[in-house]
Structures are given as C-alpha cells and as structure tokens.
Amino acid sequence: MAVPKRKTSKSRRDKRRATHAIGAPKVHVCPRCGRPKRPHRVCPTCGTYRGREVEPLRIEAP
C-alpha cells in the first residue's frame, strides 16, 4: 500500500483547498417581468423561458 514519505505541510494543504470555496449563485434578470432568476431556468414569477410561456408539469417528478 502506498504511504506518503513526508507529512503534507499546512501551506501545501491549504493551497490545494483554496479552490473549494462556495460562491454565490449567479442571477440574471428576466427580460419579460424584470425580476431576478437563475440562468437557463424558467422564471418563477411569470413562467416563461426564452420568451415563451412554459406549462408546469402535471405530475410530480420523482
């Protein structure tokens, strides 16, 4: 079994973890109602996607 020859320093460990931060979600503005929405998703207020009305699903998704 492979075993590290030397202890990983705090500096090297922290440099590796520097990219693990959680960022704020991106928000765009709906072109129809002007309310904020997540990109590539149906607008929760007016129910449009790419300028078209979208029907909600009639059944619950699993």
N, C-alpha and C. Protein backbone atom coordinates (compact mmCIF):
# COMPACT_ATOMS: atom_id res chain seq x y z
N MET A 1 0.84 -1.17 0.00
CA MET A 1 0.00 0.00 0.00
C MET A 1 0.89 1.25 0.00
N ALA A 2 0.50 2.26 -0.80
CA ALA A 2 1.30 3.47 -0.90
C ALA A 2 1.10 4.34 0.34
N VAL A 3 2.21 4.82 0.88
CA VAL A 3 2.19 5.66 2.08
C VAL A 3 3.03 6.90 1.78
N PRO A 4 2.56 8.11 2.17
CA PRO A 4 3.36 9.30 1.92
C PRO A 4 4.70 9.24 2.66
N LYS A 5 5.76 9.67 2.00
CA LYS A 5 7.07 9.64 2.63
C LYS A 5 7.23 10.78 3.63
N ARG A 6 6.60 11.93 3.34
CA ARG A 6 6.70 13.09 4.23
C ARG A 6 5.31 13.63 4.54
N LYS A 7 5.22 14.31 5.68
CA LYS A 7 3.97 14.94 6.08
C LYS A 7 3.66 16.10 5.14
N THR A 8 2.39 16.23 4.72
CA THR A 8 1.98 17.36 3.88
C THR A 8 1.95 18.62 4.73
N SER A 9 2.66 19.65 4.28
CA SER A 9 2.73 20.89 5.06
C SER A 9 1.39 21.62 5.04
N LYS A 10 1.20 22.49 6.02
CA LYS A 10 -0.05 23.27 6.09
C LYS A 10 -0.19 24.16 4.88
N SER A 11 0.92 24.70 4.40
CA SER A 11 0.89 25.57 3.24
C SER A 11 0.42 24.81 1.99
N ARG A 12 0.98 23.65 1.75
CA ARG A 12 0.60 22.85 0.59
C ARG A 12 -0.85 22.37 0.70
N ARG A 13 -1.26 21.97 1.89
CA ARG A 13 -2.63 21.52 2.12
C ARG A 13 -3.61 22.66 1.85
N ASP A 14 -3.31 23.87 2.36
CA ASP A 14 -4.21 25.00 2.21
C ASP A 14 -4.25 25.50 0.77
N LYS A 15 -3.12 25.41 0.04
CA LYS A 15 -3.13 25.78 -1.38
C LYS A 15 -4.05 24.86 -2.17
N ARG A 16 -4.06 23.61 -1.83
CA ARG A 16 -4.93 22.66 -2.51
C ARG A 16 -6.40 22.96 -2.23
N ARG A 17 -6.71 23.39 -1.02
CA ARG A 17 -8.10 23.66 -0.63
C ARG A 17 -8.57 25.06 -1.00
N ALA A 18 -7.71 25.88 -1.58
CA ALA A 18 -8.07 27.26 -1.89
C ALA A 18 -9.20 27.35 -2.91
N THR A 19 -9.37 26.33 -3.74
CA THR A 19 -10.42 26.36 -4.76
C THR A 19 -11.73 25.76 -4.29
N HIS A 20 -11.85 25.38 -3.04
CA HIS A 20 -13.05 24.70 -2.54
C HIS A 20 -14.12 25.66 -2.03
N ALA A 21 -13.92 26.97 -2.17
CA ALA A 21 -14.87 27.94 -1.63
C ALA A 21 -16.20 27.85 -2.36
N ILE A 22 -17.27 28.14 -1.64
CA ILE A 22 -18.61 28.15 -2.22
C ILE A 22 -18.92 29.58 -2.64
N GLY A 23 -19.29 29.75 -3.90
CA GLY A 23 -19.60 31.08 -4.42
C GLY A 23 -21.10 31.34 -4.40
N ALA A 24 -21.48 32.59 -4.52
CA ALA A 24 -22.89 32.97 -4.58
C ALA A 24 -23.48 32.51 -5.92
N PRO A 25 -24.74 32.10 -5.94
CA PRO A 25 -25.33 31.67 -7.21
C PRO A 25 -25.48 32.84 -8.17
N LYS A 26 -25.32 32.56 -9.46
CA LYS A 26 -25.45 33.60 -10.48
C LYS A 26 -26.93 33.94 -10.65
N VAL A 27 -27.21 35.22 -10.89
CA VAL A 27 -28.59 35.68 -11.05
C VAL A 27 -28.65 36.56 -12.28
N HIS A 28 -29.64 36.30 -13.15
CA HIS A 28 -29.90 37.12 -14.31
C HIS A 28 -31.25 37.82 -14.11
N VAL A 29 -31.58 38.72 -14.99
CA VAL A 29 -32.86 39.43 -14.93
C VAL A 29 -33.76 38.88 -16.01
N CYS A 30 -35.01 38.59 -15.66
CA CYS A 30 -35.98 38.08 -16.64
C CYS A 30 -36.30 39.21 -17.62
N PRO A 31 -36.20 38.96 -18.93
CA PRO A 31 -36.46 40.03 -19.89
C PRO A 31 -37.94 40.43 -19.96
N ARG A 32 -38.83 39.57 -19.48
CA ARG A 32 -40.26 39.85 -19.58
C ARG A 32 -40.78 40.63 -18.36
N CYS A 33 -40.45 40.13 -17.15
CA CYS A 33 -41.00 40.78 -15.96
C CYS A 33 -39.96 41.59 -15.19
N GLY A 34 -38.68 41.41 -15.51
CA GLY A 34 -37.64 42.18 -14.85
C GLY A 34 -37.24 41.69 -13.47
N ARG A 35 -37.76 40.55 -13.06
CA ARG A 35 -37.43 40.00 -11.75
C ARG A 35 -36.18 39.13 -11.86
N PRO A 36 -35.43 38.97 -10.76
CA PRO A 36 -34.24 38.11 -10.83
C PRO A 36 -34.61 36.64 -10.96
N LYS A 37 -33.79 35.91 -11.73
CA LYS A 37 -34.00 34.46 -11.90
C LYS A 37 -32.65 33.80 -12.16
N ARG A 38 -32.58 32.49 -11.94
CA ARG A 38 -31.37 31.73 -12.23
C ARG A 38 -31.26 31.55 -13.74
N PRO A 39 -30.05 31.59 -14.30
CA PRO A 39 -29.91 31.41 -15.74
C PRO A 39 -30.27 29.99 -16.18
N HIS A 40 -30.83 29.87 -17.38
CA HIS A 40 -31.21 28.59 -18.01
C HIS A 40 -32.31 27.89 -17.22
N ARG A 41 -33.19 28.67 -16.57
CA ARG A 41 -34.31 28.10 -15.83
C ARG A 41 -35.57 28.91 -16.12
N VAL A 42 -36.72 28.31 -15.88
CA VAL A 42 -37.99 29.01 -16.06
C VAL A 42 -38.11 30.09 -15.00
N CYS A 43 -38.62 31.26 -15.39
CA CYS A 43 -38.81 32.35 -14.43
C CYS A 43 -39.89 31.94 -13.43
N PRO A 44 -39.61 32.00 -12.12
CA PRO A 44 -40.61 31.55 -11.15
C PRO A 44 -41.82 32.47 -11.04
N THR A 45 -41.70 33.73 -11.48
CA THR A 45 -42.83 34.66 -11.33
C THR A 45 -43.75 34.66 -12.55
N CYS A 46 -43.18 34.77 -13.75
CA CYS A 46 -44.05 34.85 -14.93
C CYS A 46 -44.14 33.52 -15.69
N GLY A 47 -43.30 32.55 -15.40
CA GLY A 47 -43.40 31.22 -16.02
C GLY A 47 -42.95 31.18 -17.47
N THR A 48 -42.00 32.02 -17.85
CA THR A 48 -41.51 31.99 -19.23
C THR A 48 -40.07 31.51 -19.27
N TYR A 49 -39.70 30.96 -20.44
CA TYR A 49 -38.33 30.54 -20.69
C TYR A 49 -38.00 30.90 -22.13
N ARG A 50 -36.98 31.73 -22.33
CA ARG A 50 -36.54 32.19 -23.65
C ARG A 50 -37.68 32.84 -24.42
N GLY A 51 -38.50 33.63 -23.71
CA GLY A 51 -39.57 34.39 -24.35
C GLY A 51 -40.84 33.61 -24.63
N ARG A 52 -40.93 32.36 -24.17
CA ARG A 52 -42.12 31.55 -24.41
C ARG A 52 -42.76 31.14 -23.10
N GLU A 53 -44.09 31.03 -23.09
CA GLU A 53 -44.80 30.52 -21.92
C GLU A 53 -44.51 29.03 -21.79
N VAL A 54 -44.28 28.58 -20.57
CA VAL A 54 -43.98 27.18 -20.33
C VAL A 54 -45.01 26.64 -19.36
N GLU A 55 -45.63 25.51 -19.73
CA GLU A 55 -46.61 24.89 -18.85
C GLU A 55 -45.90 24.14 -17.73
N PRO A 56 -46.44 24.22 -16.50
CA PRO A 56 -45.85 23.40 -15.43
C PRO A 56 -46.21 21.93 -15.64
N LEU A 57 -45.40 21.04 -15.08
CA LEU A 57 -45.67 19.61 -15.18
C LEU A 57 -46.95 19.28 -14.43
N ARG A 58 -47.74 18.37 -15.02
CA ARG A 58 -48.99 17.98 -14.37
C ARG A 58 -48.77 16.96 -13.27
N ILE A 59 -47.69 16.20 -13.36
CA ILE A 59 -47.39 15.19 -12.34
C ILE A 59 -46.10 15.59 -11.63
N GLU A 60 -45.95 15.13 -10.42
CA GLU A 60 -44.74 15.41 -9.66
C GLU A 60 -43.59 14.57 -10.19
N ALA A 61 -42.46 15.18 -10.39
CA ALA A 61 -41.28 14.45 -10.83
C ALA A 61 -40.70 13.68 -9.64
N PRO A 62 -40.17 12.48 -9.86
CA PRO A 62 -39.63 11.70 -8.73
C PRO A 62 -38.38 12.29 -8.14
